[in-house]
Amino acid sequence: QVQPVEFGGGLVQAGGSLRLSCLASGNIFRANDMAWYRQAPGNQREVVAVISSGGSTHYADSVKGRFTISRDNDRNKVYLQMNSLKPEDTAVYYCNRGSLRGPPVNFGPWGRGTQVTVSS
């Protein structure tokens, strides 16, 4: 399977915004719930937001009201609009399959992720 490609990260001041994009292969993307995950140094990877093929969404409590997940089913792309960023949002962000129903998740291969750094 082809790894997803995540991009759009960068360095931003607290309160700023970034828009992440993910291009996934059809095998990973097609008819699947998709999700954004993040991993900060010393922490486990955690789910940030999940979106079904039909557009239903779920967010981690820490990002509700600030982040918005969306997808383009024609282009196998998933997006994460991040507003009002906080230093604690600093992490490497990844996309992969997700599950609105919760674990287990049949993950595809992991990409390299995109680094988001929020300065205070």
C-alpha atoms as a PDB file:
ATOM      1  CA  GLN A   1       0.000   0.000   0.000  1.00  0.00           C
ATOM      2  CA  VAL A   2       1.110   3.549  -0.701  1.00  0.00           C
ATOM      3  CA  GLN A   3       1.809   5.781   2.287  1.00  0.00           C
ATOM      4  CA  PRO A   4      -0.338   8.875   2.783  1.00  0.00           C
ATOM      5  CA  VAL A   5       1.380  12.209   2.209  1.00  0.00           C
ATOM      6  CA  GLU A   6       0.690  14.942   4.728  1.00  0.00           C
ATOM      7  CA  PHE A   7       1.640  18.579   4.217  1.00  0.00           C
ATOM      8  CA  GLY A   8       0.792  22.100   5.332  1.00  0.00           C
ATOM      9  CA  GLY A   9       2.493  22.169   8.713  1.00  0.00           C
ATOM     10  CA  GLY A  10       4.802  24.893   9.890  1.00  0.00           C
ATOM     11  CA  LEU A  11       5.695  27.324  12.641  1.00  0.00           C
ATOM     12  CA  VAL A  12       2.920  29.630  13.804  1.00  0.00           C
ATOM     13  CA  GLN A  13       2.309  31.886  16.781  1.00  0.00           C
ATOM     14  CA  ALA A  14      -0.328  31.042  19.347  1.00  0.00           C
ATOM     15  CA  GLY A  15      -3.725  32.136  18.089  1.00  0.00           C
ATOM     16  CA  GLY A  16      -2.757  31.565  14.482  1.00  0.00           C
ATOM     17  CA  SER A  17      -4.119  29.139  11.896  1.00  0.00           C
ATOM     18  CA  LEU A  18      -2.853  26.374   9.635  1.00  0.00           C
ATOM     19  CA  ARG A  19      -4.538  24.111   7.111  1.00  0.00           C
ATOM     20  CA  LEU A  20      -3.200  20.591   6.788  1.00  0.00           C
ATOM     21  CA  SER A  21      -3.776  18.427   3.746  1.00  0.00           C
ATOM     22  CA  CYS A  22      -3.410  14.704   3.241  1.00  0.00           C
ATOM     23  CA  LEU A  23      -3.325  12.788  -0.011  1.00  0.00           C
ATOM     24  CA  ALA A  24      -4.140   9.122   0.517  1.00  0.00           C
ATOM     25  CA  SER A  25      -4.208   6.223  -1.885  1.00  0.00           C
ATOM     26  CA  GLY A  26      -7.547   4.853  -2.938  1.00  0.00           C
ATOM     27  CA  ASN A  27      -7.009   1.667  -0.959  1.00  0.00           C
ATOM     28  CA  ILE A  28      -6.699   3.645   2.258  1.00  0.00           C
ATOM     29  CA  PHE A  29      -9.268   6.318   1.510  1.00  0.00           C
ATOM     30  CA  ARG A  30     -12.117   4.652  -0.338  1.00  0.00           C
ATOM     31  CA  ALA A  31     -15.369   4.362   1.637  1.00  0.00           C
ATOM     32  CA  ASN A  32     -13.422   4.524   4.908  1.00  0.00           C
ATOM     33  CA  ASP A  33     -13.626   6.775   7.883  1.00  0.00           C
ATOM     34  CA  MET A  34     -10.505   8.916   7.804  1.00  0.00           C
ATOM     35  CA  ALA A  35      -8.785  10.665  10.672  1.00  0.00           C
ATOM     36  CA  TRP A  36      -6.044  13.027  11.681  1.00  0.00           C
ATOM     37  CA  TYR A  37      -3.723  11.948  14.461  1.00  0.00           C
ATOM     38  CA  ARG A  38      -0.893  13.724  16.241  1.00  0.00           C
ATOM     39  CA  GLN A  39       2.099  12.742  18.284  1.00  0.00           C
ATOM     40  CA  ALA A  40       4.050  15.100  20.493  1.00  0.00           C
ATOM     41  CA  PRO A  41       7.532  14.199  21.787  1.00  0.00           C
ATOM     42  CA  GLY A  42       7.294  11.694  24.618  1.00  0.00           C
ATOM     43  CA  ASN A  43       3.572  11.134  24.055  1.00  0.00           C
ATOM     44  CA  GLN A  44       1.570   8.420  22.374  1.00  0.00           C
ATOM     45  CA  ARG A  45      -0.122   9.079  19.071  1.00  0.00           C
ATOM     46  CA  GLU A  46      -3.644  10.373  19.648  1.00  0.00           C
ATOM     47  CA  VAL A  47      -6.666  10.874  17.431  1.00  0.00           C
ATOM     48  CA  VAL A  48      -7.532  14.503  16.736  1.00  0.00           C
ATOM     49  CA  ALA A  49     -10.528  14.281  14.400  1.00  0.00           C
ATOM     50  CA  VAL A  50     -12.435  11.650  12.425  1.00  0.00           C
ATOM     51  CA  ILE A  51     -14.663  11.970   9.374  1.00  0.00           C
ATOM     52  CA  SER A  52     -16.849   9.351   7.724  1.00  0.00           C
ATOM     53  CA  SER A  53     -17.198   8.942   3.977  1.00  0.00           C
ATOM     54  CA  GLY A  54     -20.551  10.701   4.334  1.00  0.00           C
ATOM     55  CA  GLY A  55     -19.142  13.659   6.252  1.00  0.00           C
ATOM     56  CA  SER A  56     -20.037  12.855   9.867  1.00  0.00           C
ATOM     57  CA  THR A  57     -17.330  14.060  12.211  1.00  0.00           C
ATOM     58  CA  HIS A  58     -15.923  13.560  15.689  1.00  0.00           C
ATOM     59  CA  TYR A  59     -13.327  15.654  17.488  1.00  0.00           C
ATOM     60  CA  ALA A  60     -11.095  15.197  20.479  1.00  0.00           C
ATOM     61  CA  ASP A  61     -12.259  17.413  23.339  1.00  0.00           C
ATOM     62  CA  SER A  62      -8.996  19.346  23.210  1.00  0.00           C
ATOM     63  CA  VAL A  63      -9.665  20.640  19.679  1.00  0.00           C
ATOM     64  CA  LYS A  64     -13.455  20.999  19.582  1.00  0.00           C
ATOM     65  CA  GLY A  65     -14.503  24.387  18.291  1.00  0.00           C
ATOM     66  CA  ARG A  66     -11.026  25.129  16.942  1.00  0.00           C
ATOM     67  CA  PHE A  67     -10.307  22.407  14.357  1.00  0.00           C
ATOM     68  CA  THR A  68     -12.414  21.325  11.383  1.00  0.00           C
ATOM     69  CA  ILE A  69     -11.890  18.119   9.419  1.00  0.00           C
ATOM     70  CA  SER A  70     -13.135  17.765   5.855  1.00  0.00           C
ATOM     71  CA  ARG A  71     -12.568  15.490   2.875  1.00  0.00           C
ATOM     72  CA  ASP A  72     -12.703  15.500  -0.907  1.00  0.00           C
ATOM     73  CA  ASN A  73     -13.831  12.041  -1.963  1.00  0.00           C
ATOM     74  CA  ASP A  74     -13.079  12.713  -5.633  1.00  0.00           C
ATOM     75  CA  ARG A  75      -9.428  13.540  -4.922  1.00  0.00           C
ATOM     76  CA  ASN A  76      -8.740  11.157  -1.995  1.00  0.00           C
ATOM     77  CA  LYS A  77      -7.835  14.138   0.179  1.00  0.00           C
ATOM     78  CA  VAL A  78      -8.472  14.922   3.815  1.00  0.00           C
ATOM     79  CA  TYR A  79      -8.026  18.359   5.330  1.00  0.00           C
ATOM     80  CA  LEU A  80      -7.646  19.755   8.835  1.00  0.00           C
ATOM     81  CA  GLN A  81      -8.312  23.441   9.359  1.00  0.00           C
ATOM     82  CA  MET A  82      -6.718  24.476  12.641  1.00  0.00           C
ATOM     83  CA  ASN A  83      -7.646  27.813  14.183  1.00  0.00           C
ATOM     84  CA  SER A  84      -6.796  29.440  17.509  1.00  0.00           C
ATOM     85  CA  LEU A  85      -3.717  27.267  17.776  1.00  0.00           C
ATOM     86  CA  LYS A  86      -2.123  26.713  21.178  1.00  0.00           C
ATOM     87  CA  PRO A  87       1.417  25.663  22.124  1.00  0.00           C
ATOM     88  CA  GLU A  88       0.005  22.315  23.273  1.00  0.00           C
ATOM     89  CA  ASP A  89      -1.058  21.629  19.679  1.00  0.00           C
ATOM     90  CA  THR A  90       2.621  21.264  18.781  1.00  0.00           C
ATOM     91  CA  ALA A  91       3.118  17.776  17.341  1.00  0.00           C
ATOM     92  CA  VAL A  92       3.662  15.783  14.187  1.00  0.00           C
ATOM     93  CA  TYR A  93       0.298  15.332  12.472  1.00  0.00           C
ATOM     94  CA  TYR A  94      -0.608  12.225  10.475  1.00  0.00           C
ATOM     95  CA  CYS A  95      -3.609  11.042   8.522  1.00  0.00           C
ATOM     96  CA  ASN A  96      -4.828   7.471   8.273  1.00  0.00           C
ATOM     97  CA  ARG A  97      -8.011   5.469   8.478  1.00  0.00           C
ATOM     98  CA  GLY A  98     -10.134   6.175  11.507  1.00  0.00           C
ATOM     99  CA  SER A  99     -13.338   4.960  13.099  1.00  0.00           C
ATOM    100  CA  LEU A 100     -16.256   6.998  14.338  1.00  0.00           C
ATOM    101  CA  ARG A 101     -17.255   3.963  16.397  1.00  0.00           C
ATOM    102  CA  GLY A 102     -13.906   3.877  18.168  1.00  0.00           C
ATOM    103  CA  PRO A 103     -11.166   1.225  18.122  1.00  0.00           C
ATOM    104  CA  PRO A 104     -10.093  -1.067  16.668  1.00  0.00           C
ATOM    105  CA  VAL A 105      -8.996   0.683  13.499  1.00  0.00           C
ATOM    106  CA  ASN A 106      -7.657  -1.136  10.468  1.00  0.00           C
ATOM    107  CA  PHE A 107      -4.767   1.257   9.867  1.00  0.00           C
ATOM    108  CA  GLY A 108      -3.064   1.604   6.540  1.00  0.00           C
ATOM    109  CA  PRO A 109       0.649   2.438   6.334  1.00  0.00           C
ATOM    110  CA  TRP A 110       1.734   5.593   8.153  1.00  0.00           C
ATOM    111  CA  GLY A 111       3.187   8.511   6.273  1.00  0.00           C
ATOM    112  CA  ARG A 112       5.952  10.824   7.463  1.00  0.00           C
ATOM    113  CA  GLY A 113       3.528  13.318   8.919  1.00  0.00           C
ATOM    114  CA  THR A 114       3.799  17.087   8.962  1.00  0.00           C
ATOM    115  CA  GLN A 115       5.296  19.060  11.841  1.00  0.00           C
ATOM    116  CA  VAL A 116       3.161  21.730  13.502  1.00  0.00           C
ATOM    117  CA  THR A 117       4.934  24.006  15.951  1.00  0.00           C
ATOM    118  CA  VAL A 118       3.025  26.669  17.872  1.00  0.00           C
ATOM    119  CA  SER A 119       5.072  29.286  19.690  1.00  0.00           C
ATOM    120  CA  SER A 120       3.782  31.096  22.750  1.00  0.00           C
END
